[in-house]
Amino acid sequence: MTPPALPGPECDMDSMLRSAAGISSAVRAISRTALDTVLPPQCLACDALVSEPGALCGACWDGAAFVSAPFCHACGVPFEFDHGPDALCGACVRARPVFERARAVFLYNDVSRDLVTGLKHRDRTHGAPAFGRWLARAGRELIAEADLIAPVPLHRLRLWRRRFNQSALLAQALAREAGCMEKFRADLLQRHRATPTQGGLNASDRRRNVRGAFAVPARHTPMLEGRRVLLIDDVYTTGATLEACTRALLKAGAGGVDALVLARVDRPQ
């Protein structure tokens, strides 16, 4: 009678790896519980207590206006009724944007304003992973077709004052969530002219304010030639900044440009 085979080194190694993975998971769970006890997770918008980090409370979730189809094929503004997959809103029929498509996670309202201003002006960068998940869902089609993912840049003086570019954090979180960090280029665009804030300006003044403010550094033009770029920003108001960035990218040789933002104004005036 042949004796049963003894476990080989491979079986021992598998057992050790499974055991180590189990221990690691247990340690993470214990650490998470301890941290939540000392610093309970809070809603990303209003600071109410929530069950896990990177979440919205029930009230803010209900108040958040997530953008979903149907929407304008070009600018992504939501439609009340479905007009077909390639339908354009009245504004885009009159003057189509220079970028091909724009998509957004939220409409800009009280909840999304708190999310954006918290990130932008109150250093609440811990929400970036959640924002990356939401952006990845909202822009799934655009991400799949993009060759490069780039943020709308800040001028170096504003970057020095703020210490980080919120659009770059969003772009990086999106690329990490989508598993395409090789597409992320933080410095593909430069804002070589300091401009006043766009707040309080109408659409024509916004376009004038950012005209010629962006450029692609000469060292990046070879990688850009004929490639599709996905621009990432925090808010789409009139589209002036995204259009100025798009013009700079197309001038430098990009084959096409799409845009993805955290929040957009519903019907910009």
C-alpha atoms as a PDB file:
ATOM      1  CA  MET A   1       0.000   0.000   0.000  1.00  0.00           C
ATOM      2  CA  THR A   2       1.410   3.364  -1.021  1.00  0.00           C
ATOM      3  CA  PRO A   3       1.654   5.770   1.917  1.00  0.00           C
ATOM      4  CA  PRO A   4      -0.142   9.109   1.512  1.00  0.00           C
ATOM      5  CA  ALA A   5       1.985  11.877   0.034  1.00  0.00           C
ATOM      6  CA  LEU A   6       3.339  14.334   2.529  1.00  0.00           C
ATOM      7  CA  PRO A   7       2.694  18.049   1.970  1.00  0.00           C
ATOM      8  CA  GLY A   8       5.455  19.555  -0.107  1.00  0.00           C
ATOM      9  CA  PRO A   9       7.177  22.910   0.298  1.00  0.00           C
ATOM     10  CA  GLU A  10       4.596  24.519  -2.011  1.00  0.00           C
ATOM     11  CA  CYS A  11       1.725  23.570   0.328  1.00  0.00           C
ATOM     12  CA  ASP A  12       3.638  24.876   3.324  1.00  0.00           C
ATOM     13  CA  MET A  13       4.298  28.150   1.527  1.00  0.00           C
ATOM     14  CA  ASP A  14       0.636  28.507   0.523  1.00  0.00           C
ATOM     15  CA  SER A  15      -0.427  27.936   4.110  1.00  0.00           C
ATOM     16  CA  MET A  16       2.063  30.486   5.359  1.00  0.00           C
ATOM     17  CA  LEU A  17       0.894  33.086   2.837  1.00  0.00           C
ATOM     18  CA  ARG A  18      -2.765  32.521   3.718  1.00  0.00           C
ATOM     19  CA  SER A  19      -1.941  32.763   7.392  1.00  0.00           C
ATOM     20  CA  ALA A  20       0.052  35.970   6.890  1.00  0.00           C
ATOM     21  CA  ALA A  21      -2.767  37.493   4.828  1.00  0.00           C
ATOM     22  CA  GLY A  22      -5.268  36.597   7.540  1.00  0.00           C
ATOM     23  CA  ILE A  23      -3.093  38.141  10.230  1.00  0.00           C
ATOM     24  CA  SER A  24      -2.581  41.282   8.137  1.00  0.00           C
ATOM     25  CA  SER A  25      -6.335  41.654   7.578  1.00  0.00           C
ATOM     26  CA  ALA A  26      -6.991  41.191  11.283  1.00  0.00           C
ATOM     27  CA  VAL A  27      -4.385  43.816  12.189  1.00  0.00           C
ATOM     28  CA  ARG A  28      -5.908  46.274   9.717  1.00  0.00           C
ATOM     29  CA  ALA A  29      -9.388  45.645  11.109  1.00  0.00           C
ATOM     30  CA  ILE A  30      -8.204  46.160  14.695  1.00  0.00           C
ATOM     31  CA  SER A  31      -6.314  49.323  13.711  1.00  0.00           C
ATOM     32  CA  ARG A  32      -9.361  50.651  11.875  1.00  0.00           C
ATOM     33  CA  THR A  33     -11.604  49.981  14.882  1.00  0.00           C
ATOM     34  CA  ALA A  34      -9.156  51.704  17.220  1.00  0.00           C
ATOM     35  CA  LEU A  35      -8.850  54.716  14.920  1.00  0.00           C
ATOM     36  CA  ASP A  36     -12.618  55.003  14.495  1.00  0.00           C
ATOM     37  CA  THR A  37     -12.997  54.946  18.271  1.00  0.00           C
ATOM     38  CA  VAL A  38     -10.571  57.850  18.691  1.00  0.00           C
ATOM     39  CA  LEU A  39     -11.498  59.721  15.486  1.00  0.00           C
ATOM     40  CA  PRO A  40     -14.964  58.611  14.328  1.00  0.00           C
ATOM     41  CA  PRO A  41     -15.425  58.968  10.546  1.00  0.00           C
ATOM     42  CA  GLN A  42     -17.338  62.058   9.487  1.00  0.00           C
ATOM     43  CA  CYS A  43     -19.456  62.978   6.483  1.00  0.00           C
ATOM     44  CA  LEU A  44     -17.321  64.535   3.765  1.00  0.00           C
ATOM     45  CA  ALA A  45     -19.799  67.389   3.375  1.00  0.00           C
ATOM     46  CA  CYS A  46     -21.269  68.253   6.782  1.00  0.00           C
ATOM     47  CA  ASP A  47     -19.089  66.453   9.385  1.00  0.00           C
ATOM     48  CA  ALA A  48     -21.938  64.325  10.761  1.00  0.00           C
ATOM     49  CA  LEU A  49     -20.803  60.909  12.000  1.00  0.00           C
ATOM     50  CA  VAL A  50     -20.940  58.148   9.379  1.00  0.00           C
ATOM     51  CA  SER A  51     -20.291  54.417   9.406  1.00  0.00           C
ATOM     52  CA  GLU A  52     -17.065  54.500   7.362  1.00  0.00           C
ATOM     53  CA  PRO A  53     -14.492  57.019   6.125  1.00  0.00           C
ATOM     54  CA  GLY A  54     -15.023  58.677   2.767  1.00  0.00           C
ATOM     55  CA  ALA A  55     -18.825  58.612   2.899  1.00  0.00           C
ATOM     56  CA  LEU A  56     -21.761  61.006   2.953  1.00  0.00           C
ATOM     57  CA  CYS A  57     -24.347  60.952   5.710  1.00  0.00           C
ATOM     58  CA  GLY A  58     -27.925  60.047   4.799  1.00  0.00           C
ATOM     59  CA  ALA A  59     -29.082  63.655   4.611  1.00  0.00           C
ATOM     60  CA  CYS A  60     -26.207  64.756   2.364  1.00  0.00           C
ATOM     61  CA  TRP A  61     -26.568  61.665   0.173  1.00  0.00           C
ATOM     62  CA  ASP A  62     -30.236  62.499  -0.319  1.00  0.00           C
ATOM     63  CA  GLY A  63     -29.350  66.137  -1.023  1.00  0.00           C
ATOM     64  CA  ALA A  64     -26.561  65.368  -3.496  1.00  0.00           C
ATOM     65  CA  ALA A  65     -27.687  65.745  -7.109  1.00  0.00           C
ATOM     66  CA  PHE A  66     -25.754  63.019  -8.927  1.00  0.00           C
ATOM     67  CA  VAL A  67     -25.663  63.519 -12.695  1.00  0.00           C
ATOM     68  CA  SER A  68     -26.925  60.623 -14.773  1.00  0.00           C
ATOM     69  CA  ALA A  69     -28.225  60.112 -18.306  1.00  0.00           C
ATOM     70  CA  PRO A  70     -29.939  61.563 -20.194  1.00  0.00           C
ATOM     71  CA  PHE A  71     -27.653  64.549 -20.711  1.00  0.00           C
ATOM     72  CA  CYS A  72     -26.165  66.697 -23.472  1.00  0.00           C
ATOM     73  CA  HIS A  73     -23.647  64.680 -25.470  1.00  0.00           C
ATOM     74  CA  ALA A  74     -21.202  67.617 -25.516  1.00  0.00           C
ATOM     75  CA  CYS A  75     -21.337  69.534 -22.216  1.00  0.00           C
ATOM     76  CA  GLY A  76     -23.078  66.889 -20.085  1.00  0.00           C
ATOM     77  CA  VAL A  77     -25.846  69.108 -18.726  1.00  0.00           C
ATOM     78  CA  PRO A  78     -28.761  66.862 -17.653  1.00  0.00           C
ATOM     79  CA  PHE A  79     -31.936  66.640 -19.716  1.00  0.00           C
ATOM     80  CA  GLU A  80     -35.386  66.248 -18.236  1.00  0.00           C
ATOM     81  CA  PHE A  81     -36.306  63.874 -21.057  1.00  0.00           C
ATOM     82  CA  ASP A  82     -34.251  61.506 -23.193  1.00  0.00           C
ATOM     83  CA  HIS A  83     -33.600  63.063 -26.613  1.00  0.00           C
ATOM     84  CA  GLY A  84     -31.253  60.346 -27.868  1.00  0.00           C
ATOM     85  CA  PRO A  85     -27.604  59.457 -27.235  1.00  0.00           C
ATOM     86  CA  ASP A  86     -26.081  62.271 -29.347  1.00  0.00           C
ATOM     87  CA  ALA A  87     -28.534  65.042 -28.477  1.00  0.00           C
ATOM     88  CA  LEU A  88     -27.175  68.513 -27.731  1.00  0.00           C
ATOM     89  CA  CYS A  89     -28.544  71.157 -25.403  1.00  0.00           C
ATOM     90  CA  GLY A  90     -29.556  74.540 -26.817  1.00  0.00           C
ATOM     91  CA  ALA A  91     -26.309  76.199 -25.708  1.00  0.00           C
ATOM     92  CA  CYS A  92     -24.160  73.588 -27.455  1.00  0.00           C
ATOM     93  CA  VAL A  93     -26.283  73.802 -30.615  1.00  0.00           C
ATOM     94  CA  ARG A  94     -25.602  77.557 -30.699  1.00  0.00           C
ATOM     95  CA  ALA A  95     -21.890  77.276 -29.875  1.00  0.00           C
ATOM     96  CA  ARG A  96     -20.413  73.838 -29.340  1.00  0.00           C
ATOM     97  CA  PRO A  97     -17.469  73.720 -26.880  1.00  0.00           C
ATOM     98  CA  VAL A  98     -13.981  73.104 -28.245  1.00  0.00           C
ATOM     99  CA  PHE A  99     -13.642  70.039 -26.008  1.00  0.00           C
ATOM    100  CA  GLU A 100     -15.601  67.054 -27.290  1.00  0.00           C
ATOM    101  CA  ARG A 101     -17.396  65.849 -24.150  1.00  0.00           C
ATOM    102  CA  ALA A 102     -17.695  66.907 -20.519  1.00  0.00           C
ATOM    103  CA  ARG A 103     -19.112  64.817 -17.683  1.00  0.00           C
ATOM    104  CA  ALA A 104     -19.694  65.544 -13.993  1.00  0.00           C
ATOM    105  CA  VAL A 105     -20.375  63.646 -10.784  1.00  0.00           C
ATOM    106  CA  PHE A 106     -22.776  66.181  -9.236  1.00  0.00           C
ATOM    107  CA  LEU A 107     -24.792  69.230 -10.042  1.00  0.00           C
ATOM    108  CA  TYR A 108     -23.505  72.202  -8.058  1.00  0.00           C
ATOM    109  CA  ASN A 109     -25.768  72.636  -5.031  1.00  0.00           C
ATOM    110  CA  ASP A 110     -25.367  73.034  -1.275  1.00  0.00           C
ATOM    111  CA  VAL A 111     -23.920  69.541  -0.785  1.00  0.00           C
ATOM    112  CA  SER A 112     -21.436  69.555  -3.666  1.00  0.00           C
ATOM    113  CA  ARG A 113     -20.442  73.145  -2.824  1.00  0.00           C
ATOM    114  CA  ASP A 114     -19.472  72.001   0.678  1.00  0.00           C
ATOM    115  CA  LEU A 115     -17.461  69.123  -0.819  1.00  0.00           C
ATOM    116  CA  VAL A 116     -15.625  71.371  -3.259  1.00  0.00           C
ATOM    117  CA  THR A 117     -14.932  74.240  -0.862  1.00  0.00           C
ATOM    118  CA  GLY A 118     -13.858  71.783   1.830  1.00  0.00           C
ATOM    119  CA  LEU A 119     -11.278  70.313  -0.529  1.00  0.00           C
ATOM    120  CA  LYS A 120     -10.242  73.599  -2.088  1.00  0.00           C
ATOM    121  CA  HIS A 121     -10.158  76.026   0.816  1.00  0.00           C
ATOM    122  CA  ARG A 122     -10.176  73.956   4.023  1.00  0.00           C
ATOM    123  CA  ASP A 123      -7.485  71.388   3.185  1.00  0.00           C
ATOM    124  CA  ARG A 124      -9.925  68.474   3.402  1.00  0.00           C
ATOM    125  CA  THR A 125      -7.810  66.306   1.155  1.00  0.00           C
ATOM    126  CA  HIS A 126      -8.832  63.077   2.933  1.00  0.00           C
ATOM    127  CA  GLY A 127     -11.908  62.991   0.679  1.00  0.00           C
ATOM    128  CA  ALA A 128      -9.809  62.532  -2.482  1.00  0.00           C
ATOM    129  CA  PRO A 129     -10.126  58.698  -2.612  1.00  0.00           C
ATOM    130  CA  ALA A 130     -13.931  58.925  -2.476  1.00  0.00           C
ATOM    131  CA  PHE A 131     -13.939  61.656  -5.112  1.00  0.00           C
ATOM    132  CA  GLY A 132     -11.739  59.428  -7.272  1.00  0.00           C
ATOM    133  CA  ARG A 133     -14.289  56.601  -7.019  1.00  0.00           C
ATOM    134  CA  TRP A 134     -17.154  58.887  -7.988  1.00  0.00           C
ATOM    135  CA  LEU A 135     -15.207  60.400 -10.876  1.00  0.00           C
ATOM    136  CA  ALA A 136     -14.262  56.944 -12.136  1.00  0.00           C
ATOM    137  CA  ARG A 137     -17.942  55.972 -12.307  1.00  0.00           C
ATOM    138  CA  ALA A 138     -19.096  59.223 -13.909  1.00  0.00           C
ATOM    139  CA  GLY A 139     -16.318  59.217 -16.518  1.00  0.00           C
ATOM    140  CA  ARG A 140     -15.950  55.506 -17.258  1.00  0.00           C
ATOM    141  CA  GLU A 141     -16.295  55.937 -21.022  1.00  0.00           C
ATOM    142  CA  LEU A 142     -13.972  58.949 -21.181  1.00  0.00           C
ATOM    143  CA  ILE A 143     -11.294  57.228 -19.078  1.00  0.00           C
ATOM    144  CA  ALA A 144     -11.317  54.149 -21.306  1.00  0.00           C
ATOM    145  CA  GLU A 145     -10.703  56.282 -24.397  1.00  0.00           C
ATOM    146  CA  ALA A 146      -8.116  58.634 -22.848  1.00  0.00           C
ATOM    147  CA  ASP A 147      -4.401  58.329 -23.542  1.00  0.00           C
ATOM    148  CA  LEU A 148      -3.475  60.925 -20.913  1.00  0.00           C
ATOM    149  CA  ILE A 149      -5.179  62.279 -17.782  1.00  0.00           C
ATOM    150  CA  ALA A 150      -4.220  65.819 -16.758  1.00  0.00           C
ATOM    151  CA  PRO A 151      -5.485  68.365 -14.213  1.00  0.00           C
ATOM    152  CA  VAL A 152      -6.314  71.990 -14.857  1.00  0.00           C
ATOM    153  CA  PRO A 153      -3.196  73.673 -13.436  1.00  0.00           C
ATOM    154  CA  LEU A 154      -2.826  76.475 -10.910  1.00  0.00           C
ATOM    155  CA  HIS A 155      -0.434  79.354 -11.416  1.00  0.00           C
ATOM    156  CA  ARG A 156       2.701  78.851  -9.325  1.00  0.00           C
ATOM    157  CA  LEU A 157       1.869  81.788  -7.022  1.00  0.00           C
ATOM    158  CA  ARG A 158      -1.575  80.412  -6.199  1.00  0.00           C
ATOM    159  CA  LEU A 159      -0.126  76.933  -5.839  1.00  0.00           C
ATOM    160  CA  TRP A 160       2.420  78.304  -3.356  1.00  0.00           C
ATOM    161  CA  ARG A 161      -0.335  79.950  -1.306  1.00  0.00           C
ATOM    162  CA  ARG A 162      -2.703  76.972  -1.376  1.00  0.00           C
ATOM    163  CA  ARG A 163       0.105  74.344  -1.143  1.00  0.00           C
ATOM    164  CA  PHE A 164      -1.698  71.892  -3.442  1.00  0.00           C
ATOM    165  CA  ASN A 165      -3.718  71.813  -6.648  1.00  0.00           C
ATOM    166  CA  GLN A 166      -7.140  70.329  -5.906  1.00  0.00           C
ATOM    167  CA  SER A 167      -7.598  69.341  -9.559  1.00  0.00           C
ATOM    168  CA  ALA A 168      -4.311  67.423  -9.489  1.00  0.00           C
ATOM    169  CA  LEU A 169      -5.456  65.566  -6.356  1.00  0.00           C
ATOM    170  CA  LEU A 170      -8.703  64.646  -8.114  1.00  0.00           C
ATOM    171  CA  ALA A 171      -6.887  63.518 -11.274  1.00  0.00           C
ATOM    172  CA  GLN A 172      -4.439  61.401  -9.304  1.00  0.00           C
ATOM    173  CA  ALA A 173      -7.214  59.813  -7.206  1.00  0.00           C
ATOM    174  CA  LEU A 174      -9.171  59.054 -10.380  1.00  0.00           C
ATOM    175  CA  ALA A 175      -6.183  57.469 -12.133  1.00  0.00           C
ATOM    176  CA  ARG A 176      -5.401  55.365  -9.063  1.00  0.00           C
ATOM    177  CA  GLU A 177      -9.020  54.218  -8.713  1.00  0.00           C
ATOM    178  CA  ALA A 178      -9.271  53.387 -12.429  1.00  0.00           C
ATOM    179  CA  GLY A 179      -5.967  51.500 -12.384  1.00  0.00           C
ATOM    180  CA  CYS A 180      -4.321  53.719 -14.995  1.00  0.00           C
ATOM    181  CA  MET A 181      -1.692  55.741 -13.143  1.00  0.00           C
ATOM    182  CA  GLU A 182       0.512  55.466 -16.232  1.00  0.00           C
ATOM    183  CA  LYS A 183      -1.873  57.913 -17.946  1.00  0.00           C
ATOM    184  CA  PHE A 184      -1.586  60.569 -15.224  1.00  0.00           C
ATOM    185  CA  ARG A 185       0.493  63.647 -16.093  1.00  0.00           C
ATOM    186  CA  ALA A 186       0.367  66.278 -13.338  1.00  0.00           C
ATOM    187  CA  ASP A 187       2.334  68.879 -15.327  1.00  0.00           C
ATOM    188  CA  LEU A 188       1.048  68.328 -18.857  1.00  0.00           C
ATOM    189  CA  LEU A 189      -0.360  71.875 -18.786  1.00  0.00           C
ATOM    190  CA  GLN A 190       1.040  75.023 -17.196  1.00  0.00           C
ATOM    191  CA  ARG A 191      -0.789  78.166 -16.165  1.00  0.00           C
ATOM    192  CA  HIS A 192       1.878  80.643 -17.202  1.00  0.00           C
ATOM    193  CA  ARG A 193      -0.204  83.777 -16.599  1.00  0.00           C
ATOM    194  CA  ALA A 194      -1.710  84.589 -13.203  1.00  0.00           C
ATOM    195  CA  THR A 195      -5.397  85.467 -13.557  1.00  0.00           C
ATOM    196  CA  PRO A 196      -7.911  86.912 -11.104  1.00  0.00           C
ATOM    197  CA  THR A 197     -10.417  84.464  -9.669  1.00  0.00           C
ATOM    198  CA  GLN A 198     -13.319  83.605 -11.953  1.00  0.00           C
ATOM    199  CA  GLY A 199     -15.851  84.102  -9.147  1.00  0.00           C
ATOM    200  CA  GLY A 200     -18.360  86.862  -9.866  1.00  0.00           C
ATOM    201  CA  LEU A 201     -17.519  87.083 -13.576  1.00  0.00           C
ATOM    202  CA  ASN A 202     -20.043  86.452 -16.329  1.00  0.00           C
ATOM    203  CA  ALA A 203     -19.381  84.025 -19.166  1.00  0.00           C
ATOM    204  CA  SER A 204     -17.733  86.491 -21.560  1.00  0.00           C
ATOM    205  CA  ASP A 205     -15.557  87.969 -18.799  1.00  0.00           C
ATOM    206  CA  ARG A 206     -14.510  84.465 -17.745  1.00  0.00           C
ATOM    207  CA  ARG A 207     -13.428  83.616 -21.272  1.00  0.00           C
ATOM    208  CA  ARG A 208     -11.490  86.873 -21.528  1.00  0.00           C
ATOM    209  CA  ASN A 209      -9.890  86.316 -18.128  1.00  0.00           C
ATOM    210  CA  VAL A 210      -8.339  82.930 -19.018  1.00  0.00           C
ATOM    211  CA  ARG A 211      -7.635  83.520 -22.704  1.00  0.00           C
ATOM    212  CA  GLY A 212      -4.045  82.509 -23.402  1.00  0.00           C
ATOM    213  CA  ALA A 213      -3.382  81.657 -19.749  1.00  0.00           C
ATOM    214  CA  PHE A 214      -2.417  78.017 -20.399  1.00  0.00           C
ATOM    215  CA  ALA A 215       0.297  76.319 -22.409  1.00  0.00           C
ATOM    216  CA  VAL A 216       1.891  72.908 -22.880  1.00  0.00           C
ATOM    217  CA  PRO A 217       5.618  72.861 -22.009  1.00  0.00           C
ATOM    218  CA  ALA A 218       7.773  72.107 -25.042  1.00  0.00           C
ATOM    219  CA  ARG A 219       9.141  68.947 -23.384  1.00  0.00           C
ATOM    220  CA  HIS A 220       5.627  67.418 -23.408  1.00  0.00           C
ATOM    221  CA  THR A 221       4.639  68.088 -27.016  1.00  0.00           C
ATOM    222  CA  PRO A 222       6.153  64.822 -28.380  1.00  0.00           C
ATOM    223  CA  MET A 223       4.055  62.669 -26.029  1.00  0.00           C
ATOM    224  CA  LEU A 224       0.930  64.728 -26.802  1.00  0.00           C
ATOM    225  CA  GLU A 225       0.959  64.391 -30.584  1.00  0.00           C
ATOM    226  CA  GLY A 226      -2.347  62.884 -31.759  1.00  0.00           C
ATOM    227  CA  ARG A 227      -3.321  61.612 -28.306  1.00  0.00           C
ATOM    228  CA  ARG A 228      -6.619  62.041 -26.464  1.00  0.00           C
ATOM    229  CA  VAL A 229      -6.478  63.943 -23.182  1.00  0.00           C
ATOM    230  CA  LEU A 230      -8.936  63.793 -20.292  1.00  0.00           C
ATOM    231  CA  LEU A 231      -8.927  67.102 -18.384  1.00  0.00           C
ATOM    232  CA  ILE A 232      -9.865  67.031 -14.684  1.00  0.00           C
ATOM    233  CA  ASP A 233     -11.211  70.010 -12.726  1.00  0.00           C
ATOM    234  CA  ASP A 234     -13.280  70.604  -9.608  1.00  0.00           C
ATOM    235  CA  VAL A 235     -16.164  72.718 -10.981  1.00  0.00           C
ATOM    236  CA  TYR A 236     -17.625  73.429 -14.407  1.00  0.00           C
ATOM    237  CA  THR A 237     -19.383  76.794 -14.349  1.00  0.00           C
ATOM    238  CA  THR A 238     -19.393  78.238 -17.867  1.00  0.00           C
ATOM    239  CA  GLY A 239     -16.684  75.986 -19.295  1.00  0.00           C
ATOM    240  CA  ALA A 240     -14.335  78.924 -19.963  1.00  0.00           C
ATOM    241  CA  THR A 241     -11.346  77.425 -18.117  1.00  0.00           C
ATOM    242  CA  LEU A 242     -11.806  73.987 -19.670  1.00  0.00           C
ATOM    243  CA  GLU A 243     -12.063  75.540 -23.135  1.00  0.00           C
ATOM    244  CA  ALA A 244      -8.901  77.618 -22.620  1.00  0.00           C
ATOM    245  CA  CYS A 245      -7.029  74.471 -21.525  1.00  0.00           C
ATOM    246  CA  THR A 246      -8.428  72.548 -24.490  1.00  0.00           C
ATOM    247  CA  ARG A 247      -7.251  75.198 -26.949  1.00  0.00           C
ATOM    248  CA  ALA A 248      -3.741  74.994 -25.508  1.00  0.00           C
ATOM    249  CA  LEU A 249      -3.727  71.181 -25.771  1.00  0.00           C
ATOM    250  CA  LEU A 250      -5.047  71.154 -29.337  1.00  0.00           C
ATOM    251  CA  LYS A 251      -2.550  73.826 -30.353  1.00  0.00           C
ATOM    252  CA  ALA A 252       0.240  71.607 -28.983  1.00  0.00           C
ATOM    253  CA  GLY A 253      -0.951  68.648 -31.070  1.00  0.00           C
ATOM    254  CA  ALA A 254      -3.511  66.741 -28.984  1.00  0.00           C
ATOM    255  CA  GLY A 255      -5.862  64.602 -31.050  1.00  0.00           C
ATOM    256  CA  GLY A 256      -8.901  65.329 -28.865  1.00  0.00           C
ATOM    257  CA  VAL A 257      -9.877  66.537 -25.397  1.00  0.00           C
ATOM    258  CA  ASP A 258     -12.628  65.500 -22.987  1.00  0.00           C
ATOM    259  CA  ALA A 259     -13.341  66.884 -19.518  1.00  0.00           C
ATOM    260  CA  LEU A 260     -14.440  65.372 -16.219  1.00  0.00           C
ATOM    261  CA  VAL A 261     -15.358  67.429 -13.146  1.00  0.00           C
ATOM    262  CA  LEU A 262     -16.596  66.848  -9.635  1.00  0.00           C
ATOM    263  CA  ALA A 263     -19.515  69.302  -9.919  1.00  0.00           C
ATOM    264  CA  ARG A 264     -21.123  71.400 -12.610  1.00  0.00           C
ATOM    265  CA  VAL A 265     -23.569  74.294 -12.630  1.00  0.00           C
ATOM    266  CA  ASP A 266     -26.895  73.127 -14.002  1.00  0.00           C
ATOM    267  CA  ARG A 267     -27.764  75.991 -16.330  1.00  0.00           C
ATOM    268  CA  PRO A 268     -24.921  78.543 -16.385  1.00  0.00           C
ATOM    269  CA  GLN A 269     -26.016  82.038 -17.344  1.00  0.00           C
END
